[in-house]
Amino acid sequence: MQKLTNKEEEIMHILWKLEKAFVKDVLTEITEDKPHYNTLSTIIRNLEEKGYVGHTAYGNTHQYYPIVEKEEYRKGFMNNAIENYFNNSYKGMISFFAKEEKISAEELREILDMIEKNK
């Protein structure tokens, strides 16, 4: 899976939400740093070339839809982040969040309970 730019990722989130959309529909959903219509169209075509998006043609217009599921992307994204930033260590990732106070002891206990139940 090819890495996405921040803007491409933002557009994918919109397509996952809408499920099917024309460029104008995606443009309506963008709240900050709204690109020009032609720029957005190019970004969506790039997503298609990368294999994230497909389209149905209606004459000269195209309705786009995600090919890659959000969960599939999330798994790849997280695996890459853990590999690249935590030396492939889930323990390293969790300890990072604990040190940054992004996860509480209670949440860690809940995670342990989930792990124990899945064994």
N, C-alpha and C. Protein backbone atom coordinates (compact mmCIF):
# COMPACT_ATOMS: atom_id res chain seq x y z
N MET A 1 0.83 -1.18 0.00
CA MET A 1 0.00 0.00 0.00
C MET A 1 0.88 1.25 0.00
N GLN A 2 0.66 2.12 -0.96
CA GLN A 2 1.44 3.36 -1.04
C GLN A 2 1.01 4.33 0.05
N LYS A 3 1.98 5.08 0.54
CA LYS A 3 1.71 6.08 1.55
C LYS A 3 0.90 7.23 0.95
N LEU A 4 0.01 7.79 1.76
CA LEU A 4 -0.81 8.91 1.32
C LEU A 4 -0.29 10.21 1.91
N THR A 5 -0.49 11.30 1.15
CA THR A 5 -0.20 12.62 1.68
C THR A 5 -1.32 12.97 2.67
N ASN A 6 -1.11 14.02 3.45
CA ASN A 6 -2.14 14.45 4.41
C ASN A 6 -3.44 14.79 3.70
N LYS A 7 -3.35 15.47 2.55
CA LYS A 7 -4.56 15.87 1.82
C LYS A 7 -5.25 14.63 1.25
N GLU A 8 -4.48 13.68 0.72
CA GLU A 8 -5.07 12.45 0.20
C GLU A 8 -5.78 11.69 1.31
N GLU A 9 -5.15 11.64 2.48
CA GLU A 9 -5.77 10.96 3.61
C GLU A 9 -7.08 11.65 4.02
N GLU A 10 -7.06 12.97 4.03
CA GLU A 10 -8.27 13.74 4.36
C GLU A 10 -9.39 13.39 3.37
N ILE A 11 -9.06 13.30 2.10
CA ILE A 11 -10.05 13.00 1.07
C ILE A 11 -10.55 11.57 1.22
N MET A 12 -9.66 10.64 1.57
CA MET A 12 -10.09 9.26 1.79
C MET A 12 -11.09 9.19 2.95
N HIS A 13 -10.86 9.95 4.02
CA HIS A 13 -11.81 9.96 5.13
C HIS A 13 -13.18 10.45 4.67
N ILE A 14 -13.19 11.42 3.78
CA ILE A 14 -14.46 11.93 3.23
C ILE A 14 -15.12 10.85 2.39
N LEU A 15 -14.35 10.17 1.54
CA LEU A 15 -14.92 9.11 0.70
C LEU A 15 -15.42 7.93 1.54
N TRP A 16 -14.71 7.58 2.60
CA TRP A 16 -15.19 6.52 3.49
C TRP A 16 -16.51 6.93 4.12
N LYS A 17 -16.63 8.20 4.48
CA LYS A 17 -17.86 8.70 5.09
C LYS A 17 -19.02 8.70 4.08
N LEU A 18 -18.75 9.22 2.88
CA LEU A 18 -19.82 9.37 1.88
C LEU A 18 -20.10 8.07 1.11
N GLU A 19 -19.12 7.18 1.04
CA GLU A 19 -19.17 5.90 0.33
C GLU A 19 -19.10 6.05 -1.19
N LYS A 20 -19.82 6.99 -1.78
CA LYS A 20 -19.76 7.31 -3.21
C LYS A 20 -19.91 8.81 -3.33
N ALA A 21 -19.10 9.43 -4.19
CA ALA A 21 -19.19 10.89 -4.30
C ALA A 21 -18.59 11.38 -5.60
N PHE A 22 -19.17 12.46 -6.10
CA PHE A 22 -18.59 13.21 -7.20
C PHE A 22 -17.60 14.20 -6.59
N VAL A 23 -16.72 14.76 -7.40
CA VAL A 23 -15.72 15.71 -6.90
C VAL A 23 -16.39 16.85 -6.14
N LYS A 24 -17.50 17.37 -6.67
CA LYS A 24 -18.19 18.49 -6.02
C LYS A 24 -18.69 18.11 -4.63
N ASP A 25 -19.09 16.83 -4.44
CA ASP A 25 -19.54 16.38 -3.12
C ASP A 25 -18.38 16.35 -2.13
N VAL A 26 -17.23 15.91 -2.59
CA VAL A 26 -16.03 15.89 -1.74
C VAL A 26 -15.64 17.31 -1.38
N LEU A 27 -15.66 18.20 -2.36
CA LEU A 27 -15.30 19.60 -2.15
C LEU A 27 -16.17 20.24 -1.07
N THR A 28 -17.45 19.92 -1.08
CA THR A 28 -18.38 20.46 -0.09
C THR A 28 -18.01 20.04 1.33
N GLU A 29 -17.44 18.85 1.48
CA GLU A 29 -17.09 18.31 2.80
C GLU A 29 -15.79 18.89 3.37
N ILE A 30 -14.96 19.46 2.53
CA ILE A 30 -13.67 19.99 3.00
C ILE A 30 -13.92 21.31 3.70
N THR A 31 -13.49 21.39 4.96
CA THR A 31 -13.78 22.59 5.74
C THR A 31 -12.62 23.58 5.77
N GLU A 32 -11.38 23.09 5.77
CA GLU A 32 -10.22 23.99 5.83
C GLU A 32 -9.33 23.78 4.62
N ASP A 33 -8.68 24.84 4.20
CA ASP A 33 -7.77 24.78 3.05
C ASP A 33 -8.43 24.12 1.84
N LYS A 34 -9.59 24.64 1.48
CA LYS A 34 -10.36 24.09 0.37
C LYS A 34 -9.59 24.26 -0.94
N PRO A 35 -9.28 23.15 -1.61
CA PRO A 35 -8.54 23.25 -2.88
C PRO A 35 -9.46 23.68 -4.02
N HIS A 36 -8.87 24.11 -5.11
CA HIS A 36 -9.63 24.40 -6.33
C HIS A 36 -10.22 23.08 -6.84
N TYR A 37 -11.34 23.14 -7.50
CA TYR A 37 -12.02 21.94 -8.02
C TYR A 37 -11.05 21.07 -8.84
N ASN A 38 -10.29 21.69 -9.76
CA ASN A 38 -9.38 20.92 -10.61
C ASN A 38 -8.27 20.26 -9.80
N THR A 39 -7.79 20.94 -8.77
CA THR A 39 -6.76 20.37 -7.91
C THR A 39 -7.31 19.14 -7.18
N LEU A 40 -8.52 19.27 -6.65
CA LEU A 40 -9.16 18.15 -5.96
C LEU A 40 -9.37 16.98 -6.91
N SER A 41 -9.81 17.27 -8.12
CA SER A 41 -10.00 16.23 -9.12
C SER A 41 -8.70 15.48 -9.39
N THR A 42 -7.60 16.21 -9.47
CA THR A 42 -6.29 15.59 -9.68
C THR A 42 -5.90 14.71 -8.50
N ILE A 43 -6.14 15.19 -7.29
CA ILE A 43 -5.81 14.41 -6.09
C ILE A 43 -6.60 13.11 -6.08
N ILE A 44 -7.88 13.18 -6.42
CA ILE A 44 -8.72 11.97 -6.44
C ILE A 44 -8.24 11.00 -7.52
N ARG A 45 -7.85 11.53 -8.68
CA ARG A 45 -7.31 10.66 -9.73
C ARG A 45 -6.01 10.01 -9.28
N ASN A 46 -5.19 10.75 -8.53
CA ASN A 46 -3.96 10.17 -7.97
C ASN A 46 -4.29 9.04 -7.00
N LEU A 47 -5.33 9.23 -6.19
CA LEU A 47 -5.77 8.17 -5.28
C LEU A 47 -6.21 6.93 -6.07
N GLU A 48 -6.81 7.18 -7.21
CA GLU A 48 -7.23 6.07 -8.06
C GLU A 48 -6.00 5.34 -8.62
N GLU A 49 -5.01 6.09 -9.06
CA GLU A 49 -3.78 5.49 -9.58
C GLU A 49 -3.05 4.68 -8.51
N LYS A 50 -3.14 5.13 -7.26
CA LYS A 50 -2.51 4.42 -6.15
C LYS A 50 -3.31 3.19 -5.72
N GLY A 51 -4.52 3.02 -6.27
CA GLY A 51 -5.33 1.86 -5.96
C GLY A 51 -6.25 2.01 -4.76
N TYR A 52 -6.48 3.23 -4.30
CA TYR A 52 -7.34 3.48 -3.15
C TYR A 52 -8.79 3.75 -3.56
N VAL A 53 -8.98 4.23 -4.78
CA VAL A 53 -10.28 4.72 -5.22
C VAL A 53 -10.61 4.14 -6.59
N GLY A 54 -11.89 3.86 -6.80
CA GLY A 54 -12.39 3.47 -8.11
C GLY A 54 -13.44 4.48 -8.54
N HIS A 55 -13.95 4.33 -9.76
CA HIS A 55 -14.98 5.26 -10.21
C HIS A 55 -15.98 4.56 -11.13
N THR A 56 -17.14 5.17 -11.19
CA THR A 56 -18.17 4.81 -12.15
C THR A 56 -18.37 6.03 -13.03
N ALA A 57 -18.30 5.84 -14.35
CA ALA A 57 -18.45 6.96 -15.28
C ALA A 57 -19.91 7.18 -15.62
N TYR A 58 -20.31 8.44 -15.60
CA TYR A 58 -21.63 8.87 -16.04
C TYR A 58 -21.39 9.95 -17.08
N GLY A 59 -21.21 9.55 -18.32
CA GLY A 59 -20.84 10.50 -19.36
C GLY A 59 -19.45 11.03 -19.07
N ASN A 60 -19.33 12.34 -18.96
CA ASN A 60 -18.03 12.96 -18.68
C ASN A 60 -17.73 13.08 -17.19
N THR A 61 -18.69 12.75 -16.35
CA THR A 61 -18.46 12.86 -14.90
C THR A 61 -18.19 11.48 -14.31
N HIS A 62 -17.46 11.50 -13.21
CA HIS A 62 -17.12 10.27 -12.52
C HIS A 62 -17.57 10.33 -11.07
N GLN A 63 -18.17 9.24 -10.64
CA GLN A 63 -18.52 9.10 -9.23
C GLN A 63 -17.47 8.17 -8.61
N TYR A 64 -16.81 8.65 -7.58
CA TYR A 64 -15.70 7.92 -6.98
C TYR A 64 -16.16 7.19 -5.73
N TYR A 65 -15.47 6.09 -5.44
CA TYR A 65 -15.76 5.30 -4.24
C TYR A 65 -14.46 4.66 -3.76
N PRO A 66 -14.36 4.45 -2.44
CA PRO A 66 -13.13 3.83 -1.91
C PRO A 66 -13.06 2.36 -2.27
N ILE A 67 -11.87 1.92 -2.64
CA ILE A 67 -11.62 0.49 -2.88
C ILE A 67 -10.99 -0.11 -1.63
N VAL A 68 -10.13 0.67 -0.99
CA VAL A 68 -9.48 0.22 0.24
C VAL A 68 -10.39 0.58 1.41
N GLU A 69 -10.71 -0.41 2.23
CA GLU A 69 -11.55 -0.17 3.40
C GLU A 69 -10.77 0.61 4.46
N LYS A 70 -11.50 1.38 5.24
CA LYS A 70 -10.87 2.19 6.28
C LYS A 70 -10.09 1.33 7.26
N GLU A 71 -10.64 0.19 7.65
CA GLU A 71 -9.97 -0.71 8.60
C GLU A 71 -8.67 -1.25 8.02
N GLU A 72 -8.68 -1.59 6.74
CA GLU A 72 -7.47 -2.08 6.08
C GLU A 72 -6.39 -1.00 6.08
N TYR A 73 -6.78 0.23 5.78
CA TYR A 73 -5.83 1.34 5.79
C TYR A 73 -5.30 1.58 7.20
N ARG A 74 -6.18 1.55 8.18
CA ARG A 74 -5.78 1.79 9.57
C ARG A 74 -4.75 0.76 10.02
N LYS A 75 -4.97 -0.51 9.68
CA LYS A 75 -4.02 -1.56 10.05
C LYS A 75 -2.65 -1.30 9.42
N GLY A 76 -2.64 -0.98 8.15
CA GLY A 76 -1.37 -0.69 7.47
C GLY A 76 -0.69 0.53 8.05
N PHE A 77 -1.48 1.57 8.31
CA PHE A 77 -0.94 2.81 8.88
C PHE A 77 -0.32 2.54 10.23
N MET A 78 -1.03 1.82 11.10
CA MET A 78 -0.52 1.54 12.44
C MET A 78 0.70 0.64 12.39
N ASN A 79 0.68 -0.37 11.54
CA ASN A 79 1.84 -1.26 11.43
C ASN A 79 3.07 -0.48 10.98
N ASN A 80 2.90 0.41 10.01
CA ASN A 80 4.03 1.25 9.55
C ASN A 80 4.52 2.17 10.66
N ALA A 81 3.60 2.79 11.39
CA ALA A 81 3.98 3.70 12.47
C ALA A 81 4.75 2.95 13.55
N ILE A 82 4.27 1.77 13.92
CA ILE A 82 4.95 1.00 14.97
C ILE A 82 6.32 0.55 14.49
N GLU A 83 6.40 0.15 13.23
CA GLU A 83 7.68 -0.27 12.66
C GLU A 83 8.66 0.89 12.58
N ASN A 84 8.20 2.03 12.08
CA ASN A 84 9.09 3.16 11.82
C ASN A 84 9.42 4.01 13.05
N TYR A 85 8.50 4.08 14.01
CA TYR A 85 8.72 4.98 15.14
C TYR A 85 8.96 4.27 16.47
N PHE A 86 8.63 2.98 16.53
CA PHE A 86 8.77 2.26 17.80
C PHE A 86 9.57 0.97 17.64
N ASN A 87 10.38 0.91 16.57
CA ASN A 87 11.26 -0.23 16.33
C ASN A 87 10.50 -1.56 16.39
N ASN A 88 9.30 -1.55 15.82
CA ASN A 88 8.44 -2.73 15.76
C ASN A 88 8.04 -3.25 17.14
N SER A 89 8.00 -2.38 18.12
CA SER A 89 7.69 -2.77 19.50
C SER A 89 6.36 -2.16 19.94
N TYR A 90 5.36 -3.02 20.15
CA TYR A 90 4.07 -2.55 20.66
C TYR A 90 4.25 -2.06 22.09
N LYS A 91 5.12 -2.72 22.84
CA LYS A 91 5.43 -2.30 24.21
C LYS A 91 6.00 -0.88 24.18
N GLY A 92 6.90 -0.61 23.23
CA GLY A 92 7.46 0.72 23.09
C GLY A 92 6.39 1.76 22.79
N MET A 93 5.44 1.39 21.94
CA MET A 93 4.36 2.31 21.60
C MET A 93 3.50 2.61 22.83
N ILE A 94 3.12 1.58 23.56
CA ILE A 94 2.28 1.78 24.75
C ILE A 94 3.02 2.59 25.80
N SER A 95 4.31 2.30 26.01
CA SER A 95 5.06 3.05 27.02
C SER A 95 5.20 4.52 26.60
N PHE A 96 5.30 4.78 25.29
CA PHE A 96 5.33 6.15 24.80
C PHE A 96 4.06 6.89 25.20
N PHE A 97 2.90 6.25 24.97
CA PHE A 97 1.62 6.89 25.31
C PHE A 97 1.47 7.05 26.82
N ALA A 98 1.99 6.10 27.57
CA ALA A 98 1.93 6.20 29.03
C ALA A 98 2.79 7.38 29.51
N LYS A 99 4.00 7.52 28.96
CA LYS A 99 4.89 8.61 29.35
C LYS A 99 4.30 9.97 28.96
N GLU A 100 3.61 10.01 27.84
CA GLU A 100 2.99 11.25 27.37
C GLU A 100 1.65 11.51 28.06
N GLU A 101 1.28 10.61 28.96
CA GLU A 101 0.01 10.68 29.69
C GLU A 101 -1.19 10.71 28.76
N LYS A 102 -1.08 9.92 27.68
CA LYS A 102 -2.18 9.79 26.73
C LYS A 102 -3.03 8.55 27.03
N ILE A 103 -2.53 7.72 27.96
CA ILE A 103 -3.26 6.51 28.34
C ILE A 103 -3.13 6.37 29.85
N SER A 104 -4.25 6.00 30.48
CA SER A 104 -4.26 5.89 31.94
C SER A 104 -4.00 4.45 32.38
N ALA A 105 -3.71 4.30 33.65
CA ALA A 105 -3.51 2.96 34.23
C ALA A 105 -4.79 2.14 34.07
N GLU A 106 -5.92 2.80 34.24
CA GLU A 106 -7.21 2.10 34.10
C GLU A 106 -7.40 1.59 32.67
N GLU A 107 -7.05 2.41 31.68
CA GLU A 107 -7.14 1.98 30.28
C GLU A 107 -6.18 0.83 30.01
N LEU A 108 -5.00 0.86 30.62
CA LEU A 108 -4.05 -0.25 30.45
C LEU A 108 -4.61 -1.53 31.06
N ARG A 109 -5.28 -1.42 32.20
CA ARG A 109 -5.92 -2.59 32.80
C ARG A 109 -7.00 -3.15 31.87
N GLU A 110 -7.78 -2.27 31.25
CA GLU A 110 -8.81 -2.71 30.30
C GLU A 110 -8.19 -3.44 29.12
N ILE A 111 -7.05 -2.93 28.63
CA ILE A 111 -6.35 -3.58 27.52
C ILE A 111 -5.88 -4.96 27.95
N LEU A 112 -5.31 -5.05 29.15
CA LEU A 112 -4.88 -6.36 29.67
C LEU A 112 -6.04 -7.33 29.78
N ASP A 113 -7.19 -6.84 30.26
CA ASP A 113 -8.38 -7.70 30.33
C ASP A 113 -8.79 -8.19 28.95
N MET A 114 -8.73 -7.31 27.95
CA MET A 114 -9.09 -7.72 26.58
C MET A 114 -8.11 -8.79 26.08
N ILE A 115 -6.83 -8.62 26.36
CA ILE A 115 -5.82 -9.59 25.92
C ILE A 115 -6.08 -10.94 26.60
N GLU A 116 -6.34 -10.91 27.90
CA GLU A 116 -6.60 -12.15 28.64
C GLU A 116 -7.84 -12.86 28.12
N LYS A 117 -8.88 -12.13 27.80
CA LYS A 117 -10.13 -12.73 27.29
C LYS A 117 -9.95 -13.35 25.92
N ASN A 118 -9.03 -12.82 25.12
CA ASN A 118 -8.80 -13.33 23.78
C ASN A 118 -7.86 -14.52 23.72
N LYS A 119 -7.28 -14.90 24.84
CA LYS A 119 -6.36 -16.05 24.85
C LYS A 119 -7.09 -17.35 24.81
